[in-house]
Amino acid sequence: DIKHRRIPILFFANKMDLRDAVTSVKVSQLLCLENIKDKPWHICASDAIKGEGLQEGVDWLQDQIQAVKT
């Protein structure tokens, strides 16, 4: 059961290139992420078509997985 494991959670906030895009902070608030206290989480602003923000998210996730292994 993953509920009790410290598995990192990565959220991609896609379409951040749009004029009326919601900020990462607002996404966090809408998803009530501040309630997740037992797992590391990160929101990565992204534009999947241009590939922006994707590498940042993957890098963060790799770092978190490495930290769990050590």
PDB file of N, CA and C in Angstrom:
ATOM      1  N   ASP A   1       0.840  -1.175   0.000  1.00  0.00           N
ATOM      2  CA  ASP A   1       0.000   0.000   0.000  1.00  0.00           C
ATOM      3  C   ASP A   1       0.895   1.251   0.000  1.00  0.00           C
ATOM      4  N   ILE A   2       0.748   2.094  -0.993  1.00  0.00           N
ATOM      5  CA  ILE A   2       1.615   3.275  -1.102  1.00  0.00           C
ATOM      6  C   ILE A   2       1.185   4.416  -0.184  1.00  0.00           C
ATOM      7  N   LYS A   3       0.023   4.319   0.397  1.00  0.00           N
ATOM      8  CA  LYS A   3      -0.472   5.403   1.253  1.00  0.00           C
ATOM      9  C   LYS A   3       0.476   5.708   2.406  1.00  0.00           C
ATOM     10  N   HIS A   4       1.104   4.704   2.943  1.00  0.00           N
ATOM     11  CA  HIS A   4       1.960   4.881   4.104  1.00  0.00           C
ATOM     12  C   HIS A   4       3.445   4.944   3.743  1.00  0.00           C
ATOM     13  N   ARG A   5       3.760   5.018   2.476  1.00  0.00           N
ATOM     14  CA  ARG A   5       5.153   5.112   2.045  1.00  0.00           C
ATOM     15  C   ARG A   5       5.478   6.544   1.665  1.00  0.00           C
ATOM     16  N   ARG A   6       6.719   6.918   1.835  1.00  0.00           N
ATOM     17  CA  ARG A   6       7.159   8.287   1.551  1.00  0.00           C
ATOM     18  C   ARG A   6       7.559   8.400   0.072  1.00  0.00           C
ATOM     19  N   ILE A   7       6.607   8.253  -0.791  1.00  0.00           N
ATOM     20  CA  ILE A   7       6.836   8.315  -2.235  1.00  0.00           C
ATOM     21  C   ILE A   7       6.629   9.752  -2.702  1.00  0.00           C
ATOM     22  N   PRO A   8       7.634  10.323  -3.400  1.00  0.00           N
ATOM     23  CA  PRO A   8       7.488  11.703  -3.874  1.00  0.00           C
ATOM     24  C   PRO A   8       6.372  11.831  -4.917  1.00  0.00           C
ATOM     25  N   ILE A   9       5.716  12.980  -4.885  1.00  0.00           N
ATOM     26  CA  ILE A   9       4.614  13.241  -5.813  1.00  0.00           C
ATOM     27  C   ILE A   9       4.969  14.469  -6.651  1.00  0.00           C
ATOM     28  N   LEU A  10       4.933  14.305  -7.956  1.00  0.00           N
ATOM     29  CA  LEU A  10       5.241  15.389  -8.881  1.00  0.00           C
ATOM     30  C   LEU A  10       3.982  15.747  -9.657  1.00  0.00           C
ATOM     31  N   PHE A  11       3.673  17.022  -9.659  1.00  0.00           N
ATOM     32  CA  PHE A  11       2.542  17.540 -10.424  1.00  0.00           C
ATOM     33  C   PHE A  11       3.081  18.431 -11.529  1.00  0.00           C
ATOM     34  N   PHE A  12       2.654  18.190 -12.739  1.00  0.00           N
ATOM     35  CA  PHE A  12       2.970  19.097 -13.841  1.00  0.00           C
ATOM     36  C   PHE A  12       1.784  20.028 -14.040  1.00  0.00           C
ATOM     37  N   ALA A  13       2.014  21.315 -13.884  1.00  0.00           N
ATOM     38  CA  ALA A  13       0.983  22.317 -14.153  1.00  0.00           C
ATOM     39  C   ALA A  13       1.156  22.717 -15.616  1.00  0.00           C
ATOM     40  N   ASN A  14       0.472  22.018 -16.479  1.00  0.00           N
ATOM     41  CA  ASN A  14       0.622  22.198 -17.922  1.00  0.00           C
ATOM     42  C   ASN A  14      -0.124  23.447 -18.398  1.00  0.00           C
ATOM     43  N   LYS A  15       0.208  23.861 -19.587  1.00  0.00           N
ATOM     44  CA  LYS A  15      -0.427  24.992 -20.271  1.00  0.00           C
ATOM     45  C   LYS A  15      -0.124  26.327 -19.586  1.00  0.00           C
ATOM     46  N   MET A  16       1.016  26.403 -18.927  1.00  0.00           N
ATOM     47  CA  MET A  16       1.394  27.624 -18.229  1.00  0.00           C
ATOM     48  C   MET A  16       1.731  28.763 -19.194  1.00  0.00           C
ATOM     49  N   ASP A  17       1.783  28.461 -20.480  1.00  0.00           N
ATOM     50  CA  ASP A  17       2.049  29.491 -21.480  1.00  0.00           C
ATOM     51  C   ASP A  17       0.795  30.308 -21.819  1.00  0.00           C
ATOM     52  N   LEU A  18      -0.358  29.828 -21.395  1.00  0.00           N
ATOM     53  CA  LEU A  18      -1.599  30.527 -21.711  1.00  0.00           C
ATOM     54  C   LEU A  18      -1.765  31.767 -20.838  1.00  0.00           C
ATOM     55  N   ARG A  19      -2.351  32.790 -21.397  1.00  0.00           N
ATOM     56  CA  ARG A  19      -2.524  34.071 -20.721  1.00  0.00           C
ATOM     57  C   ARG A  19      -3.289  33.941 -19.408  1.00  0.00           C
ATOM     58  N   ASP A  20      -4.321  33.117 -19.390  1.00  0.00           N
ATOM     59  CA  ASP A  20      -5.155  32.988 -18.186  1.00  0.00           C
ATOM     60  C   ASP A  20      -4.808  31.749 -17.356  1.00  0.00           C
ATOM     61  N   ALA A  21      -3.578  31.279 -17.474  1.00  0.00           N
ATOM     62  CA  ALA A  21      -3.152  30.093 -16.724  1.00  0.00           C
ATOM     63  C   ALA A  21      -3.138  30.389 -15.222  1.00  0.00           C
ATOM     64  N   VAL A  22      -3.472  29.402 -14.460  1.00  0.00           N
ATOM     65  CA  VAL A  22      -3.449  29.503 -13.004  1.00  0.00           C
ATOM     66  C   VAL A  22      -2.000  29.336 -12.541  1.00  0.00           C
ATOM     67  N   THR A  23      -1.579  30.094 -11.547  1.00  0.00           N
ATOM     68  CA  THR A  23      -0.209  29.991 -11.045  1.00  0.00           C
ATOM     69  C   THR A  23      -0.003  28.671 -10.310  1.00  0.00           C
ATOM     70  N   SER A  24       1.250  28.291 -10.150  1.00  0.00           N
ATOM     71  CA  SER A  24       1.574  27.072  -9.405  1.00  0.00           C
ATOM     72  C   SER A  24       1.067  27.152  -7.972  1.00  0.00           C
ATOM     73  N   VAL A  25       1.159  28.326  -7.387  1.00  0.00           N
ATOM     74  CA  VAL A  25       0.667  28.514  -6.016  1.00  0.00           C
ATOM     75  C   VAL A  25      -0.839  28.263  -5.959  1.00  0.00           C
ATOM     76  N   LYS A  26      -1.573  28.788  -6.921  1.00  0.00           N
ATOM     77  CA  LYS A  26      -3.024  28.600  -6.953  1.00  0.00           C
ATOM     78  C   LYS A  26      -3.367  27.125  -7.179  1.00  0.00           C
ATOM     79  N   VAL A  27      -2.615  26.449  -8.042  1.00  0.00           N
ATOM     80  CA  VAL A  27      -2.829  25.009  -8.257  1.00  0.00           C
ATOM     81  C   VAL A  27      -2.658  24.275  -6.929  1.00  0.00           C
ATOM     82  N   SER A  28      -1.598  24.626  -6.205  1.00  0.00           N
ATOM     83  CA  SER A  28      -1.341  24.015  -4.905  1.00  0.00           C
ATOM     84  C   SER A  28      -2.529  24.215  -3.967  1.00  0.00           C
ATOM     85  N   GLN A  29      -3.055  25.416  -3.946  1.00  0.00           N
ATOM     86  CA  GLN A  29      -4.198  25.715  -3.082  1.00  0.00           C
ATOM     87  C   GLN A  29      -5.444  24.959  -3.526  1.00  0.00           C
ATOM     88  N   LEU A  30      -5.697  24.918  -4.824  1.00  0.00           N
ATOM     89  CA  LEU A  30      -6.886  24.229  -5.338  1.00  0.00           C
ATOM     90  C   LEU A  30      -6.851  22.729  -5.045  1.00  0.00           C
ATOM     91  N   LEU A  31      -5.640  22.154  -5.076  1.00  0.00           N
ATOM     92  CA  LEU A  31      -5.490  20.721  -4.813  1.00  0.00           C
ATOM     93  C   LEU A  31      -5.279  20.416  -3.327  1.00  0.00           C
ATOM     94  N   CYS A  32      -5.259  21.479  -2.504  1.00  0.00           N
ATOM     95  CA  CYS A  32      -5.040  21.326  -1.054  1.00  0.00           C
ATOM     96  C   CYS A  32      -3.751  20.566  -0.751  1.00  0.00           C
ATOM     97  N   LEU A  33      -2.712  20.883  -1.499  1.00  0.00           N
ATOM     98  CA  LEU A  33      -1.452  20.161  -1.332  1.00  0.00           C
ATOM     99  C   LEU A  33      -0.785  20.437   0.005  1.00  0.00           C
ATOM    100  N   GLU A  34      -1.122  21.545   0.627  1.00  0.00           N
ATOM    101  CA  GLU A  34      -0.540  21.841   1.938  1.00  0.00           C
ATOM    102  C   GLU A  34      -0.936  20.787   2.971  1.00  0.00           C
ATOM    103  N   ASN A  35      -1.955  19.991   2.668  1.00  0.00           N
ATOM    104  CA  ASN A  35      -2.371  18.914   3.561  1.00  0.00           C
ATOM    105  C   ASN A  35      -1.502  17.672   3.443  1.00  0.00           C
ATOM    106  N   ILE A  36      -0.688  17.600   2.398  1.00  0.00           N
ATOM    107  CA  ILE A  36       0.214  16.456   2.230  1.00  0.00           C
ATOM    108  C   ILE A  36       1.488  16.776   3.004  1.00  0.00           C
ATOM    109  N   LYS A  37       1.613  16.186   4.161  1.00  0.00           N
ATOM    110  CA  LYS A  37       2.752  16.482   5.021  1.00  0.00           C
ATOM    111  C   LYS A  37       3.721  15.310   5.151  1.00  0.00           C
ATOM    112  N   ASP A  38       3.299  14.132   4.721  1.00  0.00           N
ATOM    113  CA  ASP A  38       4.132  12.939   4.911  1.00  0.00           C
ATOM    114  C   ASP A  38       4.867  12.496   3.646  1.00  0.00           C
ATOM    115  N   LYS A  39       4.744  13.273   2.571  1.00  0.00           N
ATOM    116  CA  LYS A  39       5.415  12.948   1.312  1.00  0.00           C
ATOM    117  C   LYS A  39       5.946  14.237   0.690  1.00  0.00           C
ATOM    118  N   PRO A  40       7.124  14.173   0.084  1.00  0.00           N
ATOM    119  CA  PRO A  40       7.588  15.363  -0.628  1.00  0.00           C
ATOM    120  C   PRO A  40       6.766  15.545  -1.907  1.00  0.00           C
ATOM    121  N   TRP A  41       6.415  16.782  -2.209  1.00  0.00           N
ATOM    122  CA  TRP A  41       5.671  17.047  -3.442  1.00  0.00           C
ATOM    123  C   TRP A  41       6.212  18.311  -4.078  1.00  0.00           C
ATOM    124  N   HIS A  42       5.983  18.414  -5.365  1.00  0.00           N
ATOM    125  CA  HIS A  42       6.501  19.545  -6.129  1.00  0.00           C
ATOM    126  C   HIS A  42       5.570  19.805  -7.307  1.00  0.00           C
ATOM    127  N   ILE A  43       5.309  21.075  -7.556  1.00  0.00           N
ATOM    128  CA  ILE A  43       4.544  21.455  -8.750  1.00  0.00           C
ATOM    129  C   ILE A  43       5.525  22.067  -9.727  1.00  0.00           C
ATOM    130  N   CYS A  44       5.500  21.573 -10.926  1.00  0.00           N
ATOM    131  CA  CYS A  44       6.393  22.071 -11.960  1.00  0.00           C
ATOM    132  C   CYS A  44       5.555  22.729 -13.061  1.00  0.00           C
ATOM    133  N   ALA A  45       5.718  24.049 -13.188  1.00  0.00           N
ATOM    134  CA  ALA A  45       5.028  24.757 -14.267  1.00  0.00           C
ATOM    135  C   ALA A  45       5.587  24.255 -15.589  1.00  0.00           C
ATOM    136  N   SER A  46       4.713  23.951 -16.533  1.00  0.00           N
ATOM    137  CA  SER A  46       5.194  23.354 -17.773  1.00  0.00           C
ATOM    138  C   SER A  46       4.357  23.746 -18.989  1.00  0.00           C
ATOM    139  N   ASP A  47       4.977  23.508 -20.118  1.00  0.00           N
ATOM    140  CA  ASP A  47       4.329  23.628 -21.419  1.00  0.00           C
ATOM    141  C   ASP A  47       4.774  22.392 -22.189  1.00  0.00           C
ATOM    142  N   ALA A  48       3.936  21.372 -22.201  1.00  0.00           N
ATOM    143  CA  ALA A  48       4.319  20.082 -22.764  1.00  0.00           C
ATOM    144  C   ALA A  48       4.637  20.155 -24.254  1.00  0.00           C
ATOM    145  N   ILE A  49       3.964  21.013 -24.982  1.00  0.00           N
ATOM    146  CA  ILE A  49       4.214  21.113 -26.420  1.00  0.00           C
ATOM    147  C   ILE A  49       5.628  21.618 -26.692  1.00  0.00           C
ATOM    148  N   LYS A  50       6.041  22.632 -25.926  1.00  0.00           N
ATOM    149  CA  LYS A  50       7.393  23.176 -26.090  1.00  0.00           C
ATOM    150  C   LYS A  50       8.428  22.417 -25.278  1.00  0.00           C
ATOM    151  N   GLY A  51       7.983  21.579 -24.371  1.00  0.00           N
ATOM    152  CA  GLY A  51       8.887  20.817 -23.523  1.00  0.00           C
ATOM    153  C   GLY A  51       9.419  21.602 -22.340  1.00  0.00           C
ATOM    154  N   GLU A  52       8.861  22.760 -22.096  1.00  0.00           N
ATOM    155  CA  GLU A  52       9.343  23.608 -21.005  1.00  0.00           C
ATOM    156  C   GLU A  52       8.875  23.070 -19.657  1.00  0.00           C
ATOM    157  N   GLY A  53       9.798  23.021 -18.710  1.00  0.00           N
ATOM    158  CA  GLY A  53       9.482  22.587 -17.366  1.00  0.00           C
ATOM    159  C   GLY A  53       9.522  21.085 -17.164  1.00  0.00           C
ATOM    160  N   LEU A  54       9.558  20.328 -18.229  1.00  0.00           N
ATOM    161  CA  LEU A  54       9.526  18.873 -18.089  1.00  0.00           C
ATOM    162  C   LEU A  54      10.819  18.335 -17.473  1.00  0.00           C
ATOM    163  N   GLN A  55      11.961  18.817 -17.955  1.00  0.00           N
ATOM    164  CA  GLN A  55      13.234  18.347 -17.425  1.00  0.00           C
ATOM    165  C   GLN A  55      13.397  18.725 -15.960  1.00  0.00           C
ATOM    166  N   GLU A  56      12.949  19.911 -15.609  1.00  0.00           N
ATOM    167  CA  GLU A  56      13.010  20.341 -14.210  1.00  0.00           C
ATOM    168  C   GLU A  56      12.244  19.363 -13.319  1.00  0.00           C
ATOM    169  N   GLY A  57      11.069  18.978 -13.762  1.00  0.00           N
ATOM    170  CA  GLY A  57      10.261  18.037 -12.992  1.00  0.00           C
ATOM    171  C   GLY A  57      10.914  16.678 -12.863  1.00  0.00           C
ATOM    172  N   VAL A  58      11.438  16.174 -13.953  1.00  0.00           N
ATOM    173  CA  VAL A  58      12.108  14.870 -13.938  1.00  0.00           C
ATOM    174  C   VAL A  58      13.348  14.922 -13.042  1.00  0.00           C
ATOM    175  N   ASP A  59      14.101  16.021 -13.122  1.00  0.00           N
ATOM    176  CA  ASP A  59      15.287  16.174 -12.274  1.00  0.00           C
ATOM    177  C   ASP A  59      14.906  16.164 -10.800  1.00  0.00           C
ATOM    178  N   TRP A  60      13.843  16.891 -10.440  1.00  0.00           N
ATOM    179  CA  TRP A  60      13.380  16.913  -9.051  1.00  0.00           C
ATOM    180  C   TRP A  60      13.004  15.506  -8.602  1.00  0.00           C
ATOM    181  N   LEU A  61      12.266  14.790  -9.444  1.00  0.00           N
ATOM    182  CA  LEU A  61      11.827  13.441  -9.092  1.00  0.00           C
ATOM    183  C   LEU A  61      13.019  12.507  -8.912  1.00  0.00           C
ATOM    184  N   GLN A  62      14.003  12.598  -9.789  1.00  0.00           N
ATOM    185  CA  GLN A  62      15.211  11.776  -9.660  1.00  0.00           C
ATOM    186  C   GLN A  62      15.931  12.074  -8.348  1.00  0.00           C
ATOM    187  N   ASP A  63      16.046  13.339  -8.004  1.00  0.00           N
ATOM    188  CA  ASP A  63      16.690  13.723  -6.748  1.00  0.00           C
ATOM    189  C   ASP A  63      15.955  13.140  -5.551  1.00  0.00           C
ATOM    190  N   GLN A  64      14.639  13.186  -5.588  1.00  0.00           N
ATOM    191  CA  GLN A  64      13.831  12.658  -4.484  1.00  0.00           C
ATOM    192  C   GLN A  64      13.978  11.145  -4.358  1.00  0.00           C
ATOM    193  N   ILE A  65      14.004  10.458  -5.482  1.00  0.00           N
ATOM    194  CA  ILE A  65      14.156   9.006  -5.467  1.00  0.00           C
ATOM    195  C   ILE A  65      15.536   8.622  -4.945  1.00  0.00           C
ATOM    196  N   GLN A  66      16.552   9.358  -5.364  1.00  0.00           N
ATOM    197  CA  GLN A  66      17.911   9.109  -4.856  1.00  0.00           C
ATOM    198  C   GLN A  66      17.955   9.312  -3.350  1.00  0.00           C
ATOM    199  N   ALA A  67      17.299  10.347  -2.841  1.00  0.00           N
ATOM    200  CA  ALA A  67      17.300  10.634  -1.411  1.00  0.00           C
ATOM    201  C   ALA A  67      16.642   9.494  -0.620  1.00  0.00           C
ATOM    202  N   VAL A  68      15.623   8.891  -1.183  1.00  0.00           N
ATOM    203  CA  VAL A  68      14.927   7.782  -0.519  1.00  0.00           C
ATOM    204  C   VAL A  68      15.841   6.555  -0.483  1.00  0.00           C
ATOM    205  N   LYS A  69      16.611   6.343  -1.530  1.00  0.00           N
ATOM    206  CA  LYS A  69      17.491   5.170  -1.619  1.00  0.00           C
ATOM    207  C   LYS A  69      18.656   5.247  -0.640  1.00  0.00           C
ATOM    208  N   THR A  70      19.099   6.454  -0.294  1.00  0.00           N
ATOM    209  CA  THR A  70      20.288   6.579   0.571  1.00  0.00           C
ATOM    210  C   THR A  70      19.935   6.715   2.018  1.00  0.00           C
TER     211      THR A  70
END
